[in-house]
């Protein structure tokens, strides 16, 4: 098990230590909270096949739009909610 203590900034941000980021092998994470335990889990599929988020046959869909749609789908799958 790898553990690390990190400071939370005034804006509520934390930096995930490099060793942990490398183990996660993901560019996005989601948080689970149970009582006073916070778990950070990788979101592995947001960069998967983005074709399904291109809007079948609709030209002009940018990569940013596809990533956004994929992110929304991943959040809904994991939490049942729309991301903020």
N, C-alpha and C. Protein backbone atom coordinates (compact mmCIF):
# COMPACT_ATOMS: atom_id res chain seq x y z
N UNK A 1 0.85 -1.17 0.00
CA UNK A 1 0.00 0.00 0.00
C UNK A 1 0.89 1.23 0.00
N UNK A 2 0.49 2.23 -0.78
CA UNK A 2 1.21 3.49 -0.83
C UNK A 2 0.36 4.55 -0.14
N UNK A 3 0.96 5.31 0.75
CA UNK A 3 0.25 6.40 1.43
C UNK A 3 1.07 7.67 1.34
N UNK A 4 0.39 8.80 1.44
CA UNK A 4 1.08 10.08 1.43
C UNK A 4 0.18 11.11 2.08
N UNK A 5 0.79 12.03 2.81
CA UNK A 5 0.06 13.15 3.39
C UNK A 5 0.32 14.36 2.50
N UNK A 6 -0.74 15.06 2.12
CA UNK A 6 -0.60 16.24 1.29
C UNK A 6 -1.44 17.37 1.87
N UNK A 7 -1.05 18.58 1.59
CA UNK A 7 -1.76 19.76 2.10
C UNK A 7 -2.92 20.10 1.16
N UNK A 8 -4.02 20.55 1.74
CA UNK A 8 -5.15 21.03 0.96
C UNK A 8 -5.03 22.55 0.89
N UNK A 9 -5.03 23.10 -0.33
CA UNK A 9 -4.89 24.54 -0.50
C UNK A 9 -6.18 25.25 -0.08
N UNK A 10 -6.11 26.57 -0.01
CA UNK A 10 -7.30 27.36 0.32
C UNK A 10 -8.42 27.15 -0.69
N UNK A 11 -8.06 26.79 -1.91
CA UNK A 11 -9.06 26.54 -2.96
C UNK A 11 -9.55 25.09 -2.92
N UNK A 12 -9.10 24.31 -1.96
CA UNK A 12 -9.54 22.92 -1.85
C UNK A 12 -8.81 21.96 -2.78
N UNK A 13 -7.66 22.37 -3.28
CA UNK A 13 -6.90 21.55 -4.21
C UNK A 13 -5.82 20.75 -3.50
N UNK A 14 -5.53 19.58 -4.05
CA UNK A 14 -4.42 18.77 -3.58
C UNK A 14 -3.62 18.30 -4.79
N UNK A 15 -2.36 18.04 -4.57
CA UNK A 15 -1.52 17.47 -5.61
C UNK A 15 -1.33 16.00 -5.29
N UNK A 16 -1.68 15.16 -6.24
CA UNK A 16 -1.48 13.72 -6.04
C UNK A 16 0.00 13.45 -6.28
N UNK A 17 0.71 12.87 -5.31
CA UNK A 17 2.14 12.62 -5.47
C UNK A 17 2.44 11.77 -6.71
N UNK A 18 3.58 12.06 -7.34
CA UNK A 18 3.97 11.39 -8.57
C UNK A 18 3.91 9.87 -8.46
N UNK A 19 4.42 9.32 -7.37
CA UNK A 19 4.42 7.87 -7.20
C UNK A 19 3.00 7.29 -7.28
N UNK A 20 2.06 7.99 -6.70
CA UNK A 20 0.66 7.51 -6.72
C UNK A 20 0.07 7.70 -8.11
N UNK A 21 0.33 8.85 -8.76
CA UNK A 21 -0.17 9.07 -10.13
C UNK A 21 0.34 7.99 -11.06
N UNK A 22 1.60 7.63 -10.92
CA UNK A 22 2.16 6.59 -11.78
C UNK A 22 1.50 5.24 -11.54
N UNK A 23 1.17 4.94 -10.30
CA UNK A 23 0.48 3.67 -10.00
C UNK A 23 -0.94 3.66 -10.53
N UNK A 24 -1.61 4.82 -10.50
CA UNK A 24 -2.99 4.90 -10.97
C UNK A 24 -3.08 4.76 -12.49
N UNK A 25 -2.07 5.27 -13.21
CA UNK A 25 -2.06 5.22 -14.67
C UNK A 25 -3.36 5.77 -15.25
N UNK A 26 -3.78 6.92 -14.76
CA UNK A 26 -5.01 7.55 -15.23
C UNK A 26 -4.84 9.06 -15.19
N UNK A 27 -5.55 9.74 -16.07
CA UNK A 27 -5.47 11.21 -16.08
C UNK A 27 -6.66 11.85 -15.38
N UNK A 28 -7.56 11.03 -14.87
CA UNK A 28 -8.72 11.54 -14.14
C UNK A 28 -9.02 10.59 -12.98
N UNK A 29 -9.54 11.15 -11.90
CA UNK A 29 -9.89 10.35 -10.74
C UNK A 29 -11.26 10.77 -10.23
N UNK A 30 -11.88 9.90 -9.48
CA UNK A 30 -13.09 10.30 -8.77
C UNK A 30 -12.93 9.93 -7.32
N UNK A 31 -13.66 10.61 -6.47
CA UNK A 31 -13.55 10.44 -5.03
C UNK A 31 -14.78 9.70 -4.51
N UNK A 32 -14.54 8.80 -3.57
CA UNK A 32 -15.61 8.13 -2.84
C UNK A 32 -15.39 8.44 -1.37
N UNK A 33 -16.46 8.78 -0.67
CA UNK A 33 -16.36 9.10 0.75
C UNK A 33 -17.31 8.20 1.51
N UNK A 34 -16.79 7.51 2.51
CA UNK A 34 -17.59 6.67 3.40
C UNK A 34 -17.18 7.03 4.82
N UNK A 35 -18.13 7.61 5.55
CA UNK A 35 -17.84 8.12 6.89
C UNK A 35 -16.68 9.10 6.81
N UNK A 36 -15.54 8.80 7.42
CA UNK A 36 -14.40 9.72 7.34
C UNK A 36 -13.28 9.17 6.48
N UNK A 37 -13.58 8.22 5.61
CA UNK A 37 -12.58 7.63 4.72
C UNK A 37 -12.82 8.13 3.29
N UNK A 38 -11.77 8.70 2.70
CA UNK A 38 -11.85 9.18 1.32
C UNK A 38 -11.01 8.25 0.45
N UNK A 39 -11.63 7.73 -0.60
CA UNK A 39 -10.91 6.87 -1.55
C UNK A 39 -10.82 7.60 -2.88
N UNK A 40 -9.65 7.57 -3.49
CA UNK A 40 -9.44 8.16 -4.80
C UNK A 40 -9.26 7.01 -5.77
N UNK A 41 -10.13 6.95 -6.76
CA UNK A 41 -10.08 5.84 -7.73
C UNK A 41 -9.87 6.39 -9.14
N UNK A 42 -9.12 5.67 -9.96
CA UNK A 42 -8.88 6.15 -11.33
C UNK A 42 -10.13 5.99 -12.19
N UNK A 43 -10.30 6.94 -13.10
CA UNK A 43 -11.31 6.82 -14.15
C UNK A 43 -10.52 6.42 -15.37
N UNK A 44 -10.63 5.20 -15.77
CA UNK A 44 -9.77 4.66 -16.83
C UNK A 44 -10.30 4.83 -18.24
N UNK A 45 -11.60 4.98 -18.41
CA UNK A 45 -12.15 4.90 -19.76
C UNK A 45 -12.46 6.22 -20.43
N UNK A 46 -12.14 7.37 -19.83
CA UNK A 46 -12.50 8.63 -20.48
C UNK A 46 -11.72 8.85 -21.76
N UNK A 47 -10.55 8.27 -21.89
CA UNK A 47 -9.76 8.46 -23.10
C UNK A 47 -9.87 7.26 -24.02
N UNK A 48 -10.79 6.38 -23.74
CA UNK A 48 -10.99 5.21 -24.59
C UNK A 48 -11.49 5.61 -25.96
N UNK A 49 -12.26 4.77 -26.58
CA UNK A 49 -12.79 5.08 -27.90
C UNK A 49 -13.78 6.24 -27.79
N UNK A 50 -13.43 7.37 -28.37
CA UNK A 50 -14.28 8.56 -28.29
C UNK A 50 -15.28 8.62 -29.45
N UNK A 51 -15.17 7.71 -30.39
CA UNK A 51 -16.03 7.75 -31.57
C UNK A 51 -17.51 7.80 -31.20
N UNK A 52 -17.91 7.03 -30.19
CA UNK A 52 -19.33 7.01 -29.82
C UNK A 52 -19.81 8.35 -29.29
N UNK A 53 -18.90 9.24 -28.90
CA UNK A 53 -19.28 10.54 -28.38
C UNK A 53 -19.21 11.63 -29.44
N UNK A 54 -18.87 11.25 -30.66
CA UNK A 54 -18.73 12.22 -31.74
C UNK A 54 -20.08 12.63 -32.30
N UNK A 55 -21.13 11.92 -31.96
CA UNK A 55 -22.44 12.27 -32.49
C UNK A 55 -22.62 11.69 -33.86
N UNK A 56 -22.69 10.40 -33.94
CA UNK A 56 -22.84 9.63 -35.18
C UNK A 56 -23.11 10.46 -36.43
N UNK A 57 -22.10 10.59 -37.24
CA UNK A 57 -22.25 11.24 -38.53
C UNK A 57 -22.33 12.76 -38.50
N UNK A 58 -22.15 13.37 -37.33
CA UNK A 58 -22.22 14.83 -37.25
C UNK A 58 -20.82 15.41 -37.40
N UNK A 59 -20.57 16.12 -38.49
CA UNK A 59 -19.24 16.70 -38.68
C UNK A 59 -19.02 17.88 -37.74
N UNK A 60 -17.76 18.20 -37.49
CA UNK A 60 -17.42 19.38 -36.72
C UNK A 60 -17.43 19.21 -35.22
N UNK A 61 -17.46 17.96 -34.73
CA UNK A 61 -17.40 17.74 -33.28
C UNK A 61 -15.93 17.73 -32.88
N UNK A 62 -15.56 18.63 -31.99
CA UNK A 62 -14.16 18.75 -31.61
C UNK A 62 -13.77 17.68 -30.60
N UNK A 63 -12.45 17.48 -30.46
CA UNK A 63 -11.95 16.53 -29.46
C UNK A 63 -12.37 16.98 -28.07
N UNK A 64 -12.37 18.28 -27.82
CA UNK A 64 -12.78 18.80 -26.52
C UNK A 64 -14.22 18.41 -26.23
N UNK A 65 -15.09 18.53 -27.22
CA UNK A 65 -16.49 18.15 -27.03
C UNK A 65 -16.62 16.64 -26.78
N UNK A 66 -15.85 15.85 -27.53
CA UNK A 66 -15.90 14.40 -27.34
C UNK A 66 -15.41 14.01 -25.96
N UNK A 67 -14.29 14.63 -25.51
CA UNK A 67 -13.78 14.33 -24.18
C UNK A 67 -14.80 14.73 -23.12
N UNK A 68 -15.44 15.87 -23.31
CA UNK A 68 -16.47 16.30 -22.36
C UNK A 68 -17.61 15.32 -22.27
N UNK A 69 -18.08 14.84 -23.42
CA UNK A 69 -19.16 13.85 -23.44
C UNK A 69 -18.72 12.54 -22.79
N UNK A 70 -17.49 12.12 -23.06
CA UNK A 70 -16.98 10.88 -22.46
C UNK A 70 -16.86 11.04 -20.95
N UNK A 71 -16.41 12.22 -20.51
CA UNK A 71 -16.28 12.47 -19.07
C UNK A 71 -17.65 12.41 -18.41
N UNK A 72 -18.65 13.06 -19.00
CA UNK A 72 -20.01 13.04 -18.45
C UNK A 72 -20.51 11.59 -18.33
N UNK A 73 -20.26 10.79 -19.36
CA UNK A 73 -20.71 9.39 -19.33
C UNK A 73 -20.00 8.61 -18.23
N UNK A 74 -18.70 8.85 -18.05
CA UNK A 74 -17.96 8.15 -17.00
C UNK A 74 -18.47 8.54 -15.62
N UNK A 75 -18.74 9.83 -15.43
CA UNK A 75 -19.25 10.29 -14.13
C UNK A 75 -20.63 9.68 -13.86
N UNK A 76 -21.50 9.71 -14.87
CA UNK A 76 -22.84 9.12 -14.70
C UNK A 76 -22.74 7.63 -14.37
N UNK A 77 -21.83 6.93 -15.06
CA UNK A 77 -21.66 5.49 -14.82
C UNK A 77 -21.23 5.20 -13.38
N UNK A 78 -20.31 6.02 -12.87
CA UNK A 78 -19.75 5.77 -11.54
C UNK A 78 -20.64 6.31 -10.41
N UNK A 79 -21.34 7.42 -10.67
CA UNK A 79 -22.07 8.06 -9.57
C UNK A 79 -23.57 8.15 -9.77
N UNK A 80 -24.00 7.99 -11.00
CA UNK A 80 -25.42 8.17 -11.29
C UNK A 80 -25.80 9.64 -11.37
N UNK A 81 -24.80 10.55 -11.37
CA UNK A 81 -25.06 11.99 -11.40
C UNK A 81 -24.33 12.63 -12.55
N UNK A 82 -24.78 13.82 -12.91
CA UNK A 82 -24.09 14.63 -13.90
C UNK A 82 -22.92 15.33 -13.21
N UNK A 83 -21.78 15.45 -13.91
CA UNK A 83 -20.62 16.12 -13.30
C UNK A 83 -20.88 17.61 -13.23
N UNK A 84 -20.11 18.27 -12.36
CA UNK A 84 -20.28 19.73 -12.20
C UNK A 84 -19.39 20.49 -13.12
